[in-house]
Amino acid sequence: MKKQQTLEMERVEQHFIRYLPDISYLYLDKNGRAYIGMGFHISSKSDYIRLPLKDKRTKKAVSNIDKATEFARIIRLPKGYAVNFYEPFGECYLSHNESIILLKNKIKQLIIEFKEQHAELNFAQLPAKVQLAVLDVAYDLTEQPIKHAYPDFYQAICIKNWPVAAQTCTRSGICKVRNNAVQALFKNLETPDKSVFETFKSWFL
């Protein structure tokens, strides 16, 4: 039986804290999707209402009615502008401490979802650095799993071809520093011999 690799949650958290900006207000991406904090996707008014938001002026908790009103206002704004364009339109903010709590919960949920969506790939047996890289790539996906969004990257992970994984993990729309950091996670990892590639080749034919 293969030994399970230990992925330290503190290391994962610090990775995202280092490479993700923490935006305290609601904003829209180029597709009109709403986000806040460290890239937390807010898919509905209900999602926004559940957030522990505070008023920018009073620093007190915001009522659900005010949250719903703000969400409706922001979601109607034009999409595709720089993030700071949306700041003046909001009166609520998410504190950094609350953002950290949401980040920890999202990481846990990411791991659960990845294991469910990619049962054929034993996540716990991947090298710890690869587990972190996979979580980073999965972090920003809102509509499909990795194997559909980045099939070449996923295939490389399955056959443990770390050089190819490093080449295919770069994503458009992600800052260069973060992309480089994920690529670096694949350095100095031992790649299996060709027999392993042949074993899994049938998966992708």
N, C-alpha and C. Protein backbone atom coordinates (compact mmCIF):
# COMPACT_ATOMS: atom_id res chain seq x y z
N MET A 1 0.84 -1.19 0.00
CA MET A 1 0.00 0.00 0.00
C MET A 1 0.88 1.25 0.00
N LYS A 2 0.53 2.21 -0.87
CA LYS A 2 1.29 3.43 -0.95
C LYS A 2 1.07 4.28 0.29
N LYS A 3 2.13 4.95 0.68
CA LYS A 3 2.06 5.80 1.86
C LYS A 3 1.34 7.10 1.53
N GLN A 4 0.42 7.50 2.40
CA GLN A 4 -0.27 8.77 2.21
C GLN A 4 0.67 9.92 2.55
N GLN A 5 0.55 10.98 1.76
CA GLN A 5 1.39 12.16 1.96
C GLN A 5 0.67 13.15 2.87
N THR A 6 1.42 13.79 3.74
CA THR A 6 0.84 14.74 4.67
C THR A 6 0.90 16.15 4.10
N LEU A 7 -0.25 16.74 3.90
CA LEU A 7 -0.33 18.12 3.43
C LEU A 7 -0.69 19.00 4.60
N GLU A 8 0.22 19.85 5.01
CA GLU A 8 -0.02 20.71 6.16
C GLU A 8 -0.96 21.85 5.78
N MET A 9 -2.09 21.92 6.48
CA MET A 9 -3.09 22.93 6.17
C MET A 9 -2.55 24.35 6.35
N GLU A 10 -1.67 24.52 7.32
CA GLU A 10 -1.11 25.85 7.55
C GLU A 10 -0.30 26.31 6.33
N ARG A 11 0.41 25.36 5.72
CA ARG A 11 1.19 25.70 4.53
C ARG A 11 0.27 26.08 3.37
N VAL A 12 -0.83 25.36 3.22
CA VAL A 12 -1.79 25.67 2.15
C VAL A 12 -2.37 27.05 2.37
N GLU A 13 -2.77 27.34 3.60
CA GLU A 13 -3.35 28.64 3.92
C GLU A 13 -2.36 29.76 3.62
N GLN A 14 -1.11 29.59 4.03
CA GLN A 14 -0.10 30.62 3.81
C GLN A 14 0.19 30.82 2.33
N HIS A 15 0.09 29.75 1.57
CA HIS A 15 0.28 29.85 0.11
C HIS A 15 -0.76 30.79 -0.49
N PHE A 16 -2.02 30.58 -0.16
CA PHE A 16 -3.08 31.41 -0.73
C PHE A 16 -3.05 32.84 -0.17
N ILE A 17 -2.73 32.98 1.11
CA ILE A 17 -2.64 34.31 1.70
C ILE A 17 -1.54 35.12 1.00
N ARG A 18 -0.47 34.43 0.63
CA ARG A 18 0.66 35.11 -0.02
C ARG A 18 0.33 35.54 -1.45
N TYR A 19 -0.40 34.71 -2.17
CA TYR A 19 -0.58 34.96 -3.60
C TYR A 19 -1.95 35.50 -4.01
N LEU A 20 -2.88 35.56 -3.08
CA LEU A 20 -4.20 36.09 -3.42
C LEU A 20 -4.43 37.44 -2.75
N PRO A 21 -4.85 38.44 -3.50
CA PRO A 21 -5.21 39.71 -2.86
C PRO A 21 -6.48 39.53 -2.05
N ASP A 22 -6.59 40.23 -0.95
CA ASP A 22 -7.78 40.16 -0.10
C ASP A 22 -8.60 41.42 -0.34
N ILE A 23 -9.63 41.31 -1.18
CA ILE A 23 -10.47 42.45 -1.55
C ILE A 23 -11.66 42.50 -0.61
N SER A 24 -11.77 43.55 0.17
CA SER A 24 -12.78 43.58 1.24
C SER A 24 -14.19 43.89 0.74
N TYR A 25 -14.34 44.33 -0.50
CA TYR A 25 -15.65 44.72 -1.02
C TYR A 25 -16.06 43.84 -2.21
N LEU A 26 -17.33 43.85 -2.52
CA LEU A 26 -17.87 43.05 -3.62
C LEU A 26 -17.48 43.67 -4.96
N TYR A 27 -17.06 42.83 -5.90
CA TYR A 27 -16.70 43.30 -7.23
C TYR A 27 -17.07 42.26 -8.28
N LEU A 28 -17.02 42.65 -9.54
CA LEU A 28 -17.38 41.77 -10.64
C LEU A 28 -16.16 41.46 -11.49
N ASP A 29 -16.10 40.22 -12.02
CA ASP A 29 -15.02 39.89 -12.95
C ASP A 29 -15.45 40.20 -14.38
N LYS A 30 -14.65 39.84 -15.34
CA LYS A 30 -14.95 40.19 -16.73
C LYS A 30 -16.20 39.50 -17.26
N ASN A 31 -16.62 38.42 -16.57
CA ASN A 31 -17.82 37.69 -16.98
C ASN A 31 -19.06 38.10 -16.19
N GLY A 32 -18.90 39.08 -15.29
CA GLY A 32 -20.03 39.54 -14.50
C GLY A 32 -20.30 38.72 -13.25
N ARG A 33 -19.36 37.83 -12.90
CA ARG A 33 -19.51 37.06 -11.66
C ARG A 33 -19.02 37.87 -10.48
N ALA A 34 -19.71 37.74 -9.36
CA ALA A 34 -19.38 38.53 -8.17
C ALA A 34 -18.38 37.80 -7.28
N TYR A 35 -17.44 38.57 -6.72
CA TYR A 35 -16.42 38.02 -5.84
C TYR A 35 -16.16 38.98 -4.68
N ILE A 36 -15.59 38.43 -3.62
CA ILE A 36 -15.16 39.24 -2.47
C ILE A 36 -14.03 38.49 -1.77
N GLY A 37 -13.26 39.21 -0.95
CA GLY A 37 -12.20 38.56 -0.18
C GLY A 37 -11.13 37.96 -1.06
N MET A 38 -10.67 36.77 -0.71
CA MET A 38 -9.63 36.08 -1.45
C MET A 38 -10.22 35.25 -2.58
N GLY A 39 -10.91 35.93 -3.48
CA GLY A 39 -11.47 35.24 -4.63
C GLY A 39 -12.64 34.34 -4.30
N PHE A 40 -13.45 34.72 -3.31
CA PHE A 40 -14.62 33.92 -2.95
C PHE A 40 -15.77 34.26 -3.90
N HIS A 41 -16.22 33.28 -4.64
CA HIS A 41 -17.29 33.49 -5.60
C HIS A 41 -18.62 33.62 -4.88
N ILE A 42 -19.33 34.71 -5.13
CA ILE A 42 -20.65 34.94 -4.53
C ILE A 42 -21.68 34.74 -5.64
N SER A 43 -22.27 33.57 -5.66
CA SER A 43 -23.13 33.19 -6.79
C SER A 43 -24.57 33.70 -6.67
N SER A 44 -24.95 34.15 -5.48
CA SER A 44 -26.34 34.56 -5.29
C SER A 44 -26.47 35.56 -4.15
N LYS A 45 -27.63 36.17 -4.06
CA LYS A 45 -27.93 37.08 -2.96
C LYS A 45 -27.84 36.35 -1.63
N SER A 46 -28.27 35.11 -1.61
CA SER A 46 -28.22 34.32 -0.37
C SER A 46 -26.79 34.14 0.11
N ASP A 47 -25.86 33.91 -0.83
CA ASP A 47 -24.44 33.79 -0.47
C ASP A 47 -23.94 35.06 0.20
N TYR A 48 -24.33 36.19 -0.34
CA TYR A 48 -23.86 37.47 0.20
C TYR A 48 -24.46 37.74 1.58
N ILE A 49 -25.71 37.39 1.74
CA ILE A 49 -26.39 37.61 3.03
C ILE A 49 -25.72 36.80 4.14
N ARG A 50 -25.20 35.63 3.80
CA ARG A 50 -24.58 34.78 4.80
C ARG A 50 -23.22 35.29 5.28
N LEU A 51 -22.64 36.22 4.56
CA LEU A 51 -21.32 36.72 4.94
C LEU A 51 -21.38 37.62 6.18
N PRO A 52 -20.39 37.56 7.05
CA PRO A 52 -20.34 38.42 8.25
C PRO A 52 -19.81 39.80 7.90
N LEU A 53 -20.59 40.57 7.19
CA LEU A 53 -20.16 41.89 6.70
C LEU A 53 -20.38 42.99 7.74
N LYS A 54 -19.59 44.06 7.61
CA LYS A 54 -19.75 45.22 8.47
C LYS A 54 -19.89 46.48 7.63
N ASP A 55 -20.47 47.50 8.23
CA ASP A 55 -20.65 48.78 7.55
C ASP A 55 -19.32 49.55 7.56
N LYS A 56 -18.95 50.11 6.42
CA LYS A 56 -17.68 50.83 6.31
C LYS A 56 -17.59 52.01 7.27
N ARG A 57 -18.71 52.67 7.50
CA ARG A 57 -18.70 53.88 8.33
C ARG A 57 -18.80 53.57 9.81
N THR A 58 -19.74 52.71 10.18
CA THR A 58 -19.99 52.46 11.60
C THR A 58 -19.18 51.29 12.16
N LYS A 59 -18.67 50.43 11.27
CA LYS A 59 -17.93 49.22 11.66
C LYS A 59 -18.83 48.21 12.38
N LYS A 60 -20.14 48.40 12.26
CA LYS A 60 -21.09 47.48 12.90
C LYS A 60 -21.63 46.49 11.88
N ALA A 61 -22.21 45.40 12.39
CA ALA A 61 -22.78 44.37 11.52
C ALA A 61 -23.88 44.95 10.63
N VAL A 62 -23.96 44.44 9.41
CA VAL A 62 -24.94 44.92 8.43
C VAL A 62 -26.15 44.00 8.43
N SER A 63 -27.34 44.57 8.30
CA SER A 63 -28.56 43.77 8.28
C SER A 63 -28.67 42.99 6.97
N ASN A 64 -29.44 41.92 6.99
CA ASN A 64 -29.64 41.11 5.79
C ASN A 64 -30.30 41.92 4.66
N ILE A 65 -31.19 42.82 5.06
CA ILE A 65 -31.86 43.66 4.05
C ILE A 65 -30.84 44.55 3.33
N ASP A 66 -29.93 45.14 4.11
CA ASP A 66 -28.91 46.01 3.51
C ASP A 66 -27.94 45.20 2.64
N LYS A 67 -27.63 43.99 3.08
CA LYS A 67 -26.75 43.13 2.27
C LYS A 67 -27.42 42.79 0.93
N ALA A 68 -28.70 42.43 0.99
CA ALA A 68 -29.44 42.07 -0.22
C ALA A 68 -29.52 43.27 -1.17
N THR A 69 -29.76 44.45 -0.61
CA THR A 69 -29.84 45.66 -1.43
C THR A 69 -28.51 45.95 -2.11
N GLU A 70 -27.43 45.80 -1.36
CA GLU A 70 -26.10 46.07 -1.93
C GLU A 70 -25.76 45.06 -3.03
N PHE A 71 -26.05 43.80 -2.79
CA PHE A 71 -25.76 42.79 -3.81
C PHE A 71 -26.49 43.10 -5.12
N ALA A 72 -27.78 43.45 -4.99
CA ALA A 72 -28.57 43.77 -6.17
C ALA A 72 -28.00 44.98 -6.91
N ARG A 73 -27.46 45.93 -6.15
CA ARG A 73 -26.90 47.14 -6.76
C ARG A 73 -25.59 46.83 -7.50
N ILE A 74 -24.71 46.07 -6.87
CA ILE A 74 -23.41 45.77 -7.46
C ILE A 74 -23.54 44.86 -8.68
N ILE A 75 -24.42 43.87 -8.59
CA ILE A 75 -24.54 42.89 -9.67
C ILE A 75 -25.06 43.52 -10.95
N ARG A 76 -25.70 44.69 -10.84
CA ARG A 76 -26.22 45.38 -12.02
C ARG A 76 -25.18 46.31 -12.68
N LEU A 77 -24.05 46.47 -12.04
CA LEU A 77 -23.02 47.36 -12.58
C LEU A 77 -22.35 46.72 -13.81
N PRO A 78 -21.75 47.52 -14.67
CA PRO A 78 -21.07 46.96 -15.84
C PRO A 78 -19.91 46.06 -15.42
N LYS A 79 -19.68 45.02 -16.17
CA LYS A 79 -18.61 44.07 -15.87
C LYS A 79 -17.33 44.43 -16.61
N GLY A 80 -16.24 43.82 -16.16
CA GLY A 80 -14.99 43.97 -16.88
C GLY A 80 -14.12 45.14 -16.48
N TYR A 81 -14.53 45.91 -15.50
CA TYR A 81 -13.72 47.04 -15.05
C TYR A 81 -12.67 46.57 -14.03
N ALA A 82 -11.70 47.43 -13.77
CA ALA A 82 -10.72 47.13 -12.72
C ALA A 82 -11.45 46.95 -11.39
N VAL A 83 -10.87 46.13 -10.52
CA VAL A 83 -11.52 45.80 -9.25
C VAL A 83 -11.89 47.05 -8.46
N ASN A 84 -11.00 48.03 -8.40
CA ASN A 84 -11.26 49.22 -7.57
C ASN A 84 -12.38 50.10 -8.11
N PHE A 85 -12.83 49.83 -9.33
CA PHE A 85 -13.97 50.56 -9.87
C PHE A 85 -15.22 50.34 -9.01
N TYR A 86 -15.35 49.15 -8.42
CA TYR A 86 -16.57 48.78 -7.71
C TYR A 86 -16.59 49.23 -6.24
N GLU A 87 -15.46 49.63 -5.72
CA GLU A 87 -15.39 49.97 -4.29
C GLU A 87 -16.35 51.09 -3.88
N PRO A 88 -16.46 52.19 -4.62
CA PRO A 88 -17.34 53.28 -4.18
C PRO A 88 -18.82 52.92 -4.16
N PHE A 89 -19.20 51.85 -4.84
CA PHE A 89 -20.62 51.48 -4.92
C PHE A 89 -21.07 50.62 -3.74
N GLY A 90 -20.14 50.20 -2.91
CA GLY A 90 -20.49 49.34 -1.79
C GLY A 90 -20.34 50.02 -0.45
N GLU A 91 -21.17 49.66 0.48
CA GLU A 91 -21.10 50.21 1.84
C GLU A 91 -20.70 49.15 2.85
N CYS A 92 -20.57 47.91 2.40
CA CYS A 92 -20.22 46.80 3.29
C CYS A 92 -18.77 46.37 3.04
N TYR A 93 -18.18 45.74 4.04
CA TYR A 93 -16.83 45.19 3.84
C TYR A 93 -16.67 43.90 4.64
N LEU A 94 -15.76 43.07 4.15
CA LEU A 94 -15.42 41.81 4.80
C LEU A 94 -14.05 41.99 5.44
N SER A 95 -13.97 41.81 6.76
CA SER A 95 -12.70 42.01 7.45
C SER A 95 -11.69 40.92 7.06
N HIS A 96 -10.41 41.22 7.26
CA HIS A 96 -9.35 40.25 6.92
C HIS A 96 -9.49 38.99 7.76
N ASN A 97 -9.80 39.15 9.03
CA ASN A 97 -9.94 37.97 9.90
C ASN A 97 -11.06 37.06 9.43
N GLU A 98 -12.17 37.66 9.01
CA GLU A 98 -13.28 36.85 8.50
C GLU A 98 -12.90 36.20 7.17
N SER A 99 -12.11 36.91 6.39
CA SER A 99 -11.66 36.36 5.11
C SER A 99 -10.78 35.13 5.33
N ILE A 100 -9.95 35.17 6.36
CA ILE A 100 -9.09 34.02 6.69
C ILE A 100 -9.95 32.81 7.07
N ILE A 101 -10.99 33.05 7.84
CA ILE A 101 -11.89 31.96 8.24
C ILE A 101 -12.55 31.34 7.01
N LEU A 102 -13.01 32.20 6.09
CA LEU A 102 -13.62 31.70 4.86
C LEU A 102 -12.62 30.94 4.01
N LEU A 103 -11.37 31.40 4.00
CA LEU A 103 -10.33 30.71 3.25
C LEU A 103 -10.12 29.30 3.78
N LYS A 104 -10.03 29.16 5.09
CA LYS A 104 -9.83 27.84 5.69
C LYS A 104 -10.98 26.90 5.33
N ASN A 105 -12.19 27.41 5.37
CA ASN A 105 -13.35 26.59 5.02
C ASN A 105 -13.34 26.21 3.54
N LYS A 106 -12.92 27.15 2.69
CA LYS A 106 -12.88 26.86 1.27
C LYS A 106 -11.85 25.79 0.95
N ILE A 107 -10.70 25.84 1.59
CA ILE A 107 -9.66 24.83 1.36
C ILE A 107 -10.17 23.44 1.72
N LYS A 108 -10.83 23.34 2.86
CA LYS A 108 -11.39 22.05 3.28
C LYS A 108 -12.40 21.54 2.26
N GLN A 109 -13.25 22.47 1.77
CA GLN A 109 -14.26 22.09 0.79
C GLN A 109 -13.63 21.69 -0.54
N LEU A 110 -12.56 22.37 -0.92
CA LEU A 110 -11.86 22.05 -2.15
C LEU A 110 -11.33 20.62 -2.13
N ILE A 111 -10.75 20.23 -1.01
CA ILE A 111 -10.20 18.89 -0.88
C ILE A 111 -11.30 17.84 -0.99
N ILE A 112 -12.41 18.08 -0.32
CA ILE A 112 -13.55 17.15 -0.38
C ILE A 112 -14.06 17.04 -1.81
N GLU A 113 -14.25 18.17 -2.48
CA GLU A 113 -14.79 18.17 -3.84
C GLU A 113 -13.82 17.50 -4.82
N PHE A 114 -12.53 17.76 -4.65
CA PHE A 114 -11.56 17.15 -5.56
C PHE A 114 -11.59 15.63 -5.44
N LYS A 115 -11.64 15.14 -4.22
CA LYS A 115 -11.67 13.69 -4.01
C LYS A 115 -12.93 13.07 -4.60
N GLU A 116 -14.05 13.79 -4.52
CA GLU A 116 -15.31 13.28 -5.06
C GLU A 116 -15.31 13.31 -6.59
N GLN A 117 -14.79 14.38 -7.17
CA GLN A 117 -14.82 14.56 -8.62
C GLN A 117 -13.73 13.78 -9.35
N HIS A 118 -12.68 13.41 -8.62
CA HIS A 118 -11.54 12.73 -9.25
C HIS A 118 -11.17 11.51 -8.41
N ALA A 119 -12.16 10.65 -8.20
CA ALA A 119 -11.95 9.47 -7.35
C ALA A 119 -10.88 8.54 -7.91
N GLU A 120 -10.70 8.57 -9.25
CA GLU A 120 -9.72 7.69 -9.88
C GLU A 120 -8.29 8.10 -9.55
N LEU A 121 -8.12 9.32 -9.06
CA LEU A 121 -6.80 9.81 -8.69
C LEU A 121 -6.73 9.93 -7.18
N ASN A 122 -5.89 9.13 -6.55
CA ASN A 122 -5.81 9.12 -5.09
C ASN A 122 -5.07 10.37 -4.61
N PHE A 123 -5.84 11.38 -4.24
CA PHE A 123 -5.27 12.67 -3.84
C PHE A 123 -4.29 12.51 -2.69
N ALA A 124 -4.61 11.69 -1.71
CA ALA A 124 -3.79 11.56 -0.50
C ALA A 124 -2.43 10.93 -0.78
N GLN A 125 -2.29 10.24 -1.91
CA GLN A 125 -1.02 9.59 -2.24
C GLN A 125 -0.13 10.43 -3.16
N LEU A 126 -0.64 11.57 -3.58
CA LEU A 126 0.20 12.48 -4.36
C LEU A 126 1.21 13.15 -3.43
N PRO A 127 2.39 13.50 -3.95
CA PRO A 127 3.34 14.26 -3.13
C PRO A 127 2.68 15.53 -2.58
N ALA A 128 3.06 15.94 -1.39
CA ALA A 128 2.42 17.09 -0.75
C ALA A 128 2.49 18.34 -1.62
N LYS A 129 3.62 18.54 -2.32
CA LYS A 129 3.75 19.71 -3.19
C LYS A 129 2.75 19.65 -4.35
N VAL A 130 2.50 18.45 -4.86
CA VAL A 130 1.55 18.28 -5.96
C VAL A 130 0.13 18.52 -5.47
N GLN A 131 -0.17 18.05 -4.27
CA GLN A 131 -1.48 18.31 -3.69
C GLN A 131 -1.73 19.82 -3.61
N LEU A 132 -0.73 20.57 -3.19
CA LEU A 132 -0.87 22.02 -3.08
C LEU A 132 -1.08 22.65 -4.46
N ALA A 133 -0.33 22.18 -5.46
CA ALA A 133 -0.47 22.69 -6.82
C ALA A 133 -1.87 22.42 -7.36
N VAL A 134 -2.37 21.23 -7.12
CA VAL A 134 -3.71 20.86 -7.57
C VAL A 134 -4.77 21.75 -6.93
N LEU A 135 -4.62 22.01 -5.65
CA LEU A 135 -5.58 22.87 -4.95
C LEU A 135 -5.53 24.30 -5.50
N ASP A 136 -4.34 24.76 -5.83
CA ASP A 136 -4.23 26.10 -6.39
C ASP A 136 -4.95 26.20 -7.73
N VAL A 137 -4.75 25.20 -8.59
CA VAL A 137 -5.41 25.20 -9.90
C VAL A 137 -6.93 25.08 -9.74
N ALA A 138 -7.36 24.30 -8.77
CA ALA A 138 -8.80 24.10 -8.56
C ALA A 138 -9.47 25.30 -7.91
N TYR A 139 -8.70 26.12 -7.23
CA TYR A 139 -9.24 27.20 -6.40
C TYR A 139 -10.18 28.13 -7.15
N ASP A 140 -9.81 28.50 -8.37
CA ASP A 140 -10.57 29.51 -9.10
C ASP A 140 -11.65 28.94 -10.01
N LEU A 141 -11.77 27.62 -10.05
CA LEU A 141 -12.77 27.00 -10.92
C LEU A 141 -14.16 27.08 -10.27
N THR A 142 -15.13 27.54 -11.03
CA THR A 142 -16.49 27.67 -10.49
C THR A 142 -17.50 26.81 -11.25
N GLU A 143 -17.14 26.33 -12.44
CA GLU A 143 -18.13 25.66 -13.28
C GLU A 143 -17.78 24.22 -13.65
N GLN A 144 -16.53 23.82 -13.56
CA GLN A 144 -16.15 22.46 -13.95
C GLN A 144 -14.91 22.01 -13.20
N PRO A 145 -14.73 20.69 -13.05
CA PRO A 145 -13.56 20.16 -12.35
C PRO A 145 -12.29 20.30 -13.18
N ILE A 146 -11.16 20.07 -12.55
CA ILE A 146 -9.86 20.21 -13.21
C ILE A 146 -9.75 19.35 -14.47
N LYS A 147 -10.21 18.10 -14.39
CA LYS A 147 -10.02 17.19 -15.52
C LYS A 147 -10.72 17.67 -16.79
N HIS A 148 -11.72 18.53 -16.64
CA HIS A 148 -12.39 19.11 -17.80
C HIS A 148 -11.83 20.49 -18.15
N ALA A 149 -11.51 21.26 -17.14
CA ALA A 149 -11.00 22.61 -17.37
C ALA A 149 -9.56 22.60 -17.89
N TYR A 150 -8.75 21.69 -17.34
CA TYR A 150 -7.33 21.60 -17.72
C TYR A 150 -6.95 20.14 -17.95
N PRO A 151 -7.44 19.54 -19.02
CA PRO A 151 -7.23 18.10 -19.25
C PRO A 151 -5.76 17.70 -19.39
N ASP A 152 -4.93 18.54 -20.01
CA ASP A 152 -3.52 18.21 -20.17
C ASP A 152 -2.80 18.19 -18.83
N PHE A 153 -3.13 19.16 -18.00
CA PHE A 153 -2.55 19.21 -16.66
C PHE A 153 -3.00 17.99 -15.85
N TYR A 154 -4.28 17.68 -15.94
CA TYR A 154 -4.81 16.54 -15.17
C TYR A 154 -4.18 15.23 -15.63
N GLN A 155 -4.01 15.05 -16.92
CA GLN A 155 -3.39 13.83 -17.43
C GLN A 155 -1.96 13.71 -16.91
N ALA A 156 -1.23 14.82 -16.91
CA ALA A 156 0.14 14.81 -16.41
C ALA A 156 0.19 14.43 -14.93
N ILE A 157 -0.77 14.90 -14.15
CA ILE A 157 -0.84 14.54 -12.73
C ILE A 157 -1.11 13.04 -12.58
N CYS A 158 -2.03 12.53 -13.38
CA CYS A 158 -2.40 11.11 -13.28
C CYS A 158 -1.21 10.19 -13.54
N ILE A 159 -0.38 10.55 -14.52
CA ILE A 159 0.76 9.68 -14.86
C ILE A 159 2.04 10.15 -14.18
N LYS A 160 1.88 11.14 -13.31
CA LYS A 160 3.01 11.65 -12.51
C LYS A 160 4.16 12.15 -13.39
N ASN A 161 3.79 12.80 -14.48
CA ASN A 161 4.78 13.43 -15.35
C ASN A 161 4.91 14.88 -14.90
N TRP A 162 5.77 15.09 -13.91
CA TRP A 162 5.85 16.41 -13.27
C TRP A 162 6.37 17.51 -14.20
N PRO A 163 7.31 17.25 -15.10
CA PRO A 163 7.72 18.32 -16.03
C PRO A 163 6.56 18.82 -16.90
N VAL A 164 5.73 17.90 -17.40
CA VAL A 164 4.59 18.30 -18.21
C VAL A 164 3.55 19.01 -17.34
N ALA A 165 3.37 18.54 -16.11
CA ALA A 165 2.44 19.20 -15.19
C ALA A 165 2.87 20.65 -14.97
N ALA A 166 4.18 20.87 -14.84
CA ALA A 166 4.69 22.23 -14.65
C ALA A 166 4.43 23.10 -15.88
N GLN A 167 4.50 22.49 -17.05
CA GLN A 167 4.29 23.24 -18.29
C GLN A 167 2.82 23.58 -18.51
N THR A 168 1.93 22.76 -18.00
CA THR A 168 0.50 22.92 -18.30
C THR A 168 -0.31 23.52 -17.16
N CYS A 169 0.34 23.91 -16.06
CA CYS A 169 -0.40 24.46 -14.92
C CYS A 169 -0.59 25.97 -15.02
N THR A 170 0.09 26.60 -15.98
CA THR A 170 -0.03 28.05 -16.13
C THR A 170 -1.41 28.41 -16.68
N ARG A 171 -2.07 29.38 -16.04
CA ARG A 171 -3.44 29.75 -16.43
C ARG A 171 -3.52 31.22 -16.79
N SER A 172 -4.31 31.51 -17.81
CA SER A 172 -4.55 32.90 -18.17
C SER A 172 -5.43 33.53 -17.10
N GLY A 173 -5.22 34.81 -16.85
CA GLY A 173 -6.01 35.50 -15.83
C GLY A 173 -5.44 35.36 -14.43
N ILE A 174 -4.38 34.57 -14.28
CA ILE A 174 -3.71 34.39 -12.99
C ILE A 174 -2.39 35.14 -13.06
N CYS A 175 -2.05 35.86 -12.02
CA CYS A 175 -0.83 36.66 -12.04
C CYS A 175 0.41 35.78 -12.23
N LYS A 176 1.42 36.36 -12.86
CA LYS A 176 2.64 35.61 -13.19
C LYS A 176 3.33 35.06 -11.95
N VAL A 177 3.34 35.83 -10.89
CA VAL A 177 4.02 35.38 -9.66
C VAL A 177 3.36 34.11 -9.12
N ARG A 178 2.05 34.09 -9.13
CA ARG A 178 1.33 32.90 -8.63
C ARG A 178 1.53 31.71 -9.56
N ASN A 179 1.45 31.93 -10.86
CA ASN A 179 1.69 30.85 -11.82
C ASN A 179 3.10 30.27 -11.64
N ASN A 180 4.08 31.14 -11.46
CA ASN A 180 5.45 30.69 -11.27
C ASN A 180 5.61 29.88 -9.98
N ALA A 181 4.90 30.31 -8.95
CA ALA A 181 4.97 29.60 -7.66
C ALA A 181 4.42 28.19 -7.79
N VAL A 182 3.35 28.02 -8.56
CA VAL A 182 2.78 26.68 -8.76
C VAL A 182 3.72 25.83 -9.60
N GLN A 183 4.29 26.41 -10.63
CA GLN A 183 5.27 25.68 -11.45
C GLN A 183 6.43 25.18 -10.60
N ALA A 184 6.89 26.01 -9.69
CA ALA A 184 8.04 25.66 -8.86
C ALA A 184 7.78 24.46 -7.95
N LEU A 185 6.52 24.21 -7.65
CA LEU A 185 6.17 23.08 -6.78
C LEU A 185 6.53 21.73 -7.42
N PHE A 186 6.65 21.71 -8.74
CA PHE A 186 6.96 20.45 -9.44
C PHE A 186 8.45 20.20 -9.62
N LYS A 187 9.28 21.15 -9.20
CA LYS A 187 10.72 20.98 -9.35
C LYS A 187 11.24 19.91 -8.38
N ASN A 188 12.22 19.18 -8.85
CA ASN A 188 12.93 18.18 -8.03
C ASN A 188 12.04 17.04 -7.55
N LEU A 189 10.93 16.80 -8.26
CA LEU A 189 10.09 15.65 -7.94
C LEU A 189 10.48 14.49 -8.84
N GLU A 190 10.50 13.30 -8.28
CA GLU A 190 10.89 12.12 -9.05
C GLU A 190 9.76 11.69 -9.97
N THR A 191 10.07 11.53 -11.26
CA THR A 191 9.08 11.10 -12.24
C THR A 191 9.19 9.59 -12.45
N PRO A 192 8.07 8.84 -12.43
CA PRO A 192 8.10 7.40 -12.64
C PRO A 192 8.66 7.03 -14.00
N ASP A 193 9.06 5.76 -14.17
CA ASP A 193 9.59 5.33 -15.46
C ASP A 193 8.46 5.19 -16.48
N LYS A 194 8.81 4.84 -17.73
CA LYS A 194 7.85 4.80 -18.83
C LYS A 194 6.75 3.77 -18.62
N SER A 195 7.00 2.73 -17.83
CA SER A 195 5.98 1.71 -17.62
C SER A 195 4.74 2.29 -16.96
N VAL A 196 4.93 3.31 -16.13
CA VAL A 196 3.79 3.96 -15.48
C VAL A 196 2.95 4.70 -16.51
N PHE A 197 3.60 5.37 -17.46
CA PHE A 197 2.88 6.08 -18.50
C PHE A 197 2.02 5.12 -19.33
N GLU A 198 2.58 3.94 -19.62
CA GLU A 198 1.84 2.96 -20.41
C GLU A 198 0.64 2.42 -19.63
N THR A 199 0.80 2.28 -18.33
CA THR A 199 -0.28 1.75 -17.49
C THR A 199 -1.52 2.63 -17.56
N PHE A 200 -1.31 3.95 -17.55
CA PHE A 200 -2.43 4.89 -17.52
C PHE A 200 -2.79 5.44 -18.90
N LYS A 201 -2.07 5.00 -19.93
CA LYS A 201 -2.29 5.56 -21.26
C LYS A 201 -3.71 5.35 -21.75
N SER A 202 -4.29 4.21 -21.40
CA SER A 202 -5.63 3.88 -21.87
C SER A 202 -6.71 4.83 -21.31
N TRP A 203 -6.41 5.51 -20.22
CA TRP A 203 -7.37 6.45 -19.63
C TRP A 203 -7.73 7.57 -20.59
N PHE A 204 -6.77 7.94 -21.44
CA PHE A 204 -6.91 9.17 -22.21
C PHE A 204 -7.00 8.92 -23.71
N LEU A 205 -7.14 7.67 -24.13
CA LEU A 205 -7.29 7.35 -25.56
C LEU A 205 -8.73 7.54 -25.99
